[in-house]
């Protein structure tokens, strides 16, 4: 942070442009992974699509689909993919999305017309859904999370897609709920991803309750606002943490225009059969 003080003016603080747009596991961590049985590599991503309204205030779902195509992930968690009020209708053409990207949504049960649960959608390809659970999260605002057990590229995983609240106290309670609900019986890796609305790291963060099991919590990549990302609101963490080897911002001209958030993506190495998470 830079500080300037002019004559007759109070001190003005100017934020430096963010320097961190990617995180990679250190050499020791990579060597530890290399000593384990051969792993399956997946690419996963999280993207708050802002109801398909871009920085130019235009509703354009096709731009969102094109950004998702650019990301080229095996699993994608979307937030704000449905209208928030009224019929809560889904905002994307799912048929066009599948034709363009090969991704299809995890089905949910809802009385509304939406694609997902409280705006959370999980997309996947080359796999199958084996179980789902829809959570109502505690707090002042109506928030939810979608838990999906998937087999992707032959590997079993659990995806927890969430959009946490704006109030810090609510977020802390929501994290506790997610931890309690996310542990699978079969030891498959867990990937928690979404707009977690928390930019702090360390003990002051409402995500601190995820430590020490979930990580890498230090991989806080600024993703909001899209034009000049300062706050690391969007996160991807895993249990066990070492399954994530890289986290990166998806920063293109189109992604800076299509939504007010930039997508984040991660490279995942899933453990061999004899090295389970629990």
Protein backbone atom coordinates (compact mmCIF):
# COMPACT_ATOMS: atom_id res chain seq x y z
CA UNK A 1 0.00 0.00 0.00
CA UNK A 2 1.30 3.43 -0.92
CA UNK A 3 0.64 6.55 1.17
CA UNK A 4 0.64 10.13 -0.06
CA UNK A 5 0.13 13.28 2.00
CA UNK A 6 -0.49 16.63 0.35
CA UNK A 7 -0.46 20.10 1.89
CA UNK A 8 -3.80 20.83 3.51
CA UNK A 9 -5.08 17.33 2.67
CA UNK A 10 -5.57 14.35 4.90
CA UNK A 11 -3.41 11.33 4.19
CA UNK A 12 -4.66 9.34 1.22
CA UNK A 13 -4.00 5.65 0.88
CA UNK A 14 -3.68 4.16 -2.57
CA UNK A 15 -3.76 0.41 -3.08
CA UNK A 16 -0.99 -1.13 -5.12
CA UNK A 17 -2.07 -3.25 -8.08
CA UNK A 18 -2.36 -6.85 -6.90
CA UNK A 19 0.77 -8.90 -7.56
CA UNK A 20 -0.55 -12.40 -6.84
CA UNK A 21 -2.48 -13.96 -9.73
CA UNK A 22 -1.41 -17.56 -9.16
CA UNK A 23 -0.20 -19.89 -6.42
CA UNK A 24 1.84 -23.06 -6.89
CA UNK A 25 2.69 -25.67 -4.26
CA UNK A 26 6.32 -25.49 -3.15
CA UNK A 27 8.98 -27.94 -4.31
CA UNK A 28 8.81 -30.02 -1.11
CA UNK A 29 5.09 -30.48 -1.55
CA UNK A 30 5.53 -31.45 -5.19
CA UNK A 31 8.19 -34.00 -4.23
CA UNK A 32 5.86 -35.50 -1.63
CA UNK A 33 3.19 -35.92 -4.27
CA UNK A 34 5.69 -37.45 -6.68
CA UNK A 35 6.48 -40.20 -4.16
CA UNK A 36 2.84 -41.32 -3.98
CA UNK A 37 1.04 -43.69 -6.39
CA UNK A 38 0.17 -42.25 -9.83
CA UNK A 39 -2.54 -39.60 -9.57
CA UNK A 40 -5.41 -38.45 -11.76
CA UNK A 41 -5.07 -34.81 -12.79
CA UNK A 42 -8.21 -32.68 -12.95
CA UNK A 43 -8.87 -29.02 -13.53
CA UNK A 44 -11.57 -27.40 -11.42
CA UNK A 45 -12.87 -23.83 -11.32
CA UNK A 46 -15.20 -21.43 -9.53
CA UNK A 47 -16.99 -18.50 -11.16
CA UNK A 48 -19.50 -15.97 -9.83
CA UNK A 49 -21.31 -15.04 -13.06
CA UNK A 50 -23.20 -12.07 -11.55
CA UNK A 51 -26.48 -13.26 -13.09
CA UNK A 52 -24.80 -12.99 -16.53
CA UNK A 53 -24.69 -9.18 -16.27
CA UNK A 54 -21.33 -7.79 -17.31
CA UNK A 55 -19.41 -4.69 -16.37
CA UNK A 56 -21.14 -2.94 -19.26
CA UNK A 57 -24.47 -3.71 -17.53
CA UNK A 58 -25.58 -5.94 -20.40
CA UNK A 59 -27.24 -9.30 -19.77
CA UNK A 60 -25.30 -11.66 -22.01
CA UNK A 61 -25.28 -15.36 -21.04
CA UNK A 62 -23.35 -16.28 -24.20
CA UNK A 63 -20.33 -14.36 -22.88
CA UNK A 64 -20.44 -16.40 -19.70
CA UNK A 65 -20.57 -19.64 -21.70
CA UNK A 66 -17.57 -18.51 -23.73
CA UNK A 67 -15.58 -17.74 -20.57
CA UNK A 68 -16.44 -21.18 -19.21
CA UNK A 69 -15.26 -22.68 -22.51
CA UNK A 70 -11.98 -20.75 -22.18
CA UNK A 71 -11.42 -22.08 -18.65
CA UNK A 72 -11.66 -25.66 -19.97
CA UNK A 73 -12.17 -27.30 -16.57
CA UNK A 74 -13.52 -30.75 -15.73
CA UNK A 75 -15.64 -29.39 -12.87
CA UNK A 76 -16.95 -25.83 -12.46
CA UNK A 77 -18.89 -24.30 -9.56
CA UNK A 78 -21.03 -21.32 -10.57
CA UNK A 79 -22.60 -18.75 -8.27
CA UNK A 80 -25.48 -16.38 -9.05
CA UNK A 81 -26.59 -18.61 -11.93
CA UNK A 82 -30.29 -18.12 -11.14
CA UNK A 83 -32.51 -15.14 -10.59
CA UNK A 84 -32.68 -14.32 -6.89
CA UNK A 85 -36.37 -13.43 -6.71
CA UNK A 86 -39.64 -14.42 -8.37
CA UNK A 87 -39.44 -17.81 -10.08
CA UNK A 88 -35.65 -17.83 -9.57
CA UNK A 89 -35.26 -18.97 -13.15
CA UNK A 90 -31.96 -20.23 -14.48
CA UNK A 91 -30.05 -17.71 -16.57
CA UNK A 92 -27.99 -19.89 -18.91
CA UNK A 93 -28.95 -21.97 -21.93
CA UNK A 94 -27.83 -25.34 -20.56
CA UNK A 95 -28.11 -27.05 -23.93
CA UNK A 96 -25.85 -24.49 -25.56
CA UNK A 97 -23.49 -24.68 -22.59
CA UNK A 98 -23.12 -28.45 -23.00
CA UNK A 99 -22.60 -28.20 -26.75
CA UNK A 100 -19.92 -25.53 -26.33
CA UNK A 101 -18.10 -26.94 -23.30
CA UNK A 102 -19.11 -30.57 -22.78
CA UNK A 103 -20.25 -29.66 -19.26
CA UNK A 104 -23.63 -30.53 -17.79
CA UNK A 105 -25.18 -29.52 -14.46
CA UNK A 106 -25.64 -31.66 -11.38
CA UNK A 107 -29.43 -32.04 -11.05
CA UNK A 108 -31.13 -30.50 -8.02
CA UNK A 109 -34.59 -30.73 -6.50
CA UNK A 110 -36.33 -27.39 -6.21
CA UNK A 111 -39.78 -25.87 -6.40
CA UNK A 112 -38.29 -23.05 -8.48
CA UNK A 113 -37.24 -22.77 -12.12
CA UNK A 114 -33.54 -22.44 -11.43
CA UNK A 115 -30.55 -24.40 -12.62
CA UNK A 116 -29.13 -24.84 -9.13
CA UNK A 117 -29.60 -24.36 -5.40
CA UNK A 118 -29.55 -20.77 -4.10
CA UNK A 119 -27.80 -19.87 -7.35
CA UNK A 120 -25.10 -22.53 -6.91
CA UNK A 121 -24.58 -24.81 -9.91
CA UNK A 122 -22.01 -27.59 -10.27
CA UNK A 123 -21.01 -28.45 -13.84
CA UNK A 124 -19.04 -31.56 -14.76
CA UNK A 125 -18.03 -33.67 -17.75
CA UNK A 126 -16.81 -37.19 -18.41
CA UNK A 127 -18.39 -38.51 -15.25
CA UNK A 128 -21.45 -39.36 -13.21
CA UNK A 129 -23.33 -38.05 -10.18
CA UNK A 130 -23.61 -40.59 -7.38
CA UNK A 131 -25.22 -38.45 -4.65
CA UNK A 132 -26.30 -34.87 -3.91
CA UNK A 133 -27.29 -32.86 -0.87
CA UNK A 134 -28.74 -29.36 -0.71
CA UNK A 135 -27.92 -27.33 2.39
CA UNK A 136 -29.62 -24.27 3.79
CA UNK A 137 -26.90 -22.21 5.47
CA UNK A 138 -27.46 -20.24 8.70
CA UNK A 139 -27.41 -16.46 8.71
CA UNK A 140 -29.47 -13.36 8.08
CA UNK A 141 -29.47 -13.69 4.28
CA UNK A 142 -30.92 -16.67 2.39
CA UNK A 143 -27.83 -18.71 1.46
CA UNK A 144 -27.25 -22.31 0.49
CA UNK A 145 -24.67 -24.85 -0.61
CA UNK A 146 -24.76 -27.80 -2.97
CA UNK A 147 -22.82 -30.97 -2.15
CA UNK A 148 -22.25 -33.34 -5.06
CA UNK A 149 -20.50 -36.70 -5.06
CA UNK A 150 -19.06 -37.20 -8.54
CA UNK A 151 -17.01 -39.72 -10.41
CA UNK A 152 -14.99 -37.67 -12.88
CA UNK A 153 -12.44 -39.22 -15.23
CA UNK A 154 -12.81 -42.39 -13.18
CA UNK A 155 -11.97 -40.67 -9.87
CA UNK A 156 -14.43 -40.20 -6.95
CA UNK A 157 -14.60 -36.67 -5.52
CA UNK A 158 -16.94 -34.58 -3.40
CA UNK A 159 -17.65 -31.00 -4.50
CA UNK A 160 -19.07 -28.47 -2.04
CA UNK A 161 -20.26 -25.40 -3.95
CA UNK A 162 -21.20 -22.40 -1.83
CA UNK A 163 -21.84 -18.67 -1.84
CA UNK A 164 -21.34 -17.38 1.69
CA UNK A 165 -22.98 -14.37 3.26
CA UNK A 166 -21.90 -10.75 3.48
CA UNK A 167 -21.76 -10.70 7.30
CA UNK A 168 -18.63 -12.05 8.97
CA UNK A 169 -20.49 -13.73 11.83
CA UNK A 170 -22.80 -15.46 9.36
CA UNK A 171 -19.83 -16.67 7.32
CA UNK A 172 -18.21 -18.22 10.41
CA UNK A 173 -21.40 -20.14 11.19
CA UNK A 174 -21.75 -21.16 7.56
CA UNK A 175 -18.21 -22.53 7.52
CA UNK A 176 -19.02 -24.62 10.62
CA UNK A 177 -22.10 -26.01 8.85
CA UNK A 178 -20.11 -26.87 5.72
CA UNK A 179 -17.39 -28.65 7.69
CA UNK A 180 -19.96 -30.72 9.59
CA UNK A 181 -21.80 -31.70 6.40
CA UNK A 182 -18.93 -32.22 3.99
CA UNK A 183 -17.08 -35.27 5.37
CA UNK A 184 -17.73 -38.32 3.15
CA UNK A 185 -17.94 -41.86 4.47
CA UNK A 186 -15.66 -43.31 1.80
CA UNK A 187 -12.66 -40.98 2.21
CA UNK A 188 -12.89 -39.34 -1.20
CA UNK A 189 -11.21 -35.89 -1.55
CA UNK A 190 -13.37 -32.84 -0.85
CA UNK A 191 -13.24 -29.62 -2.85
CA UNK A 192 -14.91 -26.57 -1.33
CA UNK A 193 -15.22 -23.77 -3.85
CA UNK A 194 -17.25 -20.69 -4.48
CA UNK A 195 -17.65 -17.04 -3.65
CA UNK A 196 -16.81 -17.21 0.05
CA UNK A 197 -16.97 -13.40 0.48
CA UNK A 198 -13.84 -13.37 2.64
CA UNK A 199 -10.60 -11.67 1.64
CA UNK A 200 -8.79 -11.93 4.98
CA UNK A 201 -6.29 -14.67 5.79
CA UNK A 202 -5.13 -15.94 9.16
CA UNK A 203 -6.98 -15.85 12.47
CA UNK A 204 -9.04 -12.79 11.54
CA UNK A 205 -10.59 -14.61 8.60
CA UNK A 206 -14.04 -16.18 8.90
CA UNK A 207 -12.50 -19.11 6.97
CA UNK A 208 -10.01 -19.80 9.75
CA UNK A 209 -12.23 -22.65 10.97
CA UNK A 210 -11.29 -24.60 7.83
CA UNK A 211 -7.72 -24.93 9.11
CA UNK A 212 -5.78 -27.15 9.45
CA UNK A 213 -7.56 -29.74 7.34
CA UNK A 214 -8.70 -27.68 4.36
CA UNK A 215 -6.23 -25.76 2.25
CA UNK A 216 -4.36 -24.09 0.76
CA UNK A 217 -5.92 -21.18 2.65
CA UNK A 218 -2.88 -19.06 1.81
CA UNK A 219 -3.75 -19.27 -1.91
CA UNK A 220 -5.89 -16.13 -1.72
CA UNK A 221 -5.96 -14.82 -5.29
CA UNK A 222 -7.64 -11.40 -5.77
CA UNK A 223 -10.63 -11.90 -8.08
CA UNK A 224 -12.94 -8.94 -7.38
CA UNK A 225 -13.73 -6.51 -8.87
CA UNK A 226 -13.01 -7.92 -12.31
CA UNK A 227 -11.64 -4.68 -13.76
CA UNK A 228 -9.04 -4.27 -11.03
CA UNK A 229 -9.08 -7.27 -8.70
CA UNK A 230 -8.17 -6.42 -5.11
CA UNK A 231 -10.18 -8.78 -2.89
CA UNK A 232 -9.78 -12.56 -2.85
CA UNK A 233 -13.48 -13.36 -2.47
CA UNK A 234 -13.47 -16.49 -4.63
CA UNK A 235 -11.68 -19.52 -3.25
CA UNK A 236 -10.88 -23.17 -3.98
CA UNK A 237 -9.70 -25.30 -1.06
CA UNK A 238 -9.45 -29.05 -0.55
CA UNK A 239 -9.21 -31.79 2.01
CA UNK A 240 -6.57 -33.12 1.89
CA UNK A 241 -4.97 -29.79 1.01
CA UNK A 242 -2.07 -31.31 -0.92
CA UNK A 243 -4.37 -32.49 -3.71
CA UNK A 244 -4.34 -28.90 -5.02
CA UNK A 245 -1.03 -28.14 -6.74
CA UNK A 246 -1.88 -24.79 -8.36
CA UNK A 247 -4.50 -22.03 -8.09
CA UNK A 248 -4.71 -19.40 -10.80
CA UNK A 249 -6.81 -16.44 -11.86
CA UNK A 250 -8.50 -16.75 -15.27
CA UNK A 251 -7.83 -13.23 -16.49
CA UNK A 252 -8.76 -12.43 -20.10
CA UNK A 253 -10.32 -9.46 -21.85
CA UNK A 254 -13.64 -11.30 -22.03
CA UNK A 255 -13.64 -12.50 -18.42
CA UNK A 256 -13.00 -8.91 -17.25
CA UNK A 257 -16.12 -7.82 -19.13
CA UNK A 258 -18.56 -10.72 -18.67
CA UNK A 259 -19.00 -10.49 -14.87
CA UNK A 260 -17.93 -8.41 -11.88
CA UNK A 261 -15.85 -11.38 -10.64
CA UNK A 262 -12.96 -13.12 -12.37
CA UNK A 263 -12.99 -16.92 -12.34
CA UNK A 264 -10.37 -18.88 -10.43
CA UNK A 265 -9.14 -22.31 -11.41
CA UNK A 266 -7.03 -25.03 -9.84
CA UNK A 267 -5.00 -28.04 -10.89
CA UNK A 268 -5.77 -31.09 -8.79
CA UNK A 269 -3.84 -34.33 -8.39
CA UNK A 270 -6.09 -36.99 -6.90
CA UNK A 271 -4.44 -39.62 -4.69
CA UNK A 272 -4.03 -43.26 -5.67
CA UNK A 273 -6.39 -45.89 -4.30
CA UNK A 274 -4.12 -46.75 -1.36
CA UNK A 275 -3.77 -43.13 -0.23
CA UNK A 276 -7.20 -41.93 0.85
CA UNK A 277 -8.02 -38.71 2.67
CA UNK A 278 -9.25 -40.09 5.97
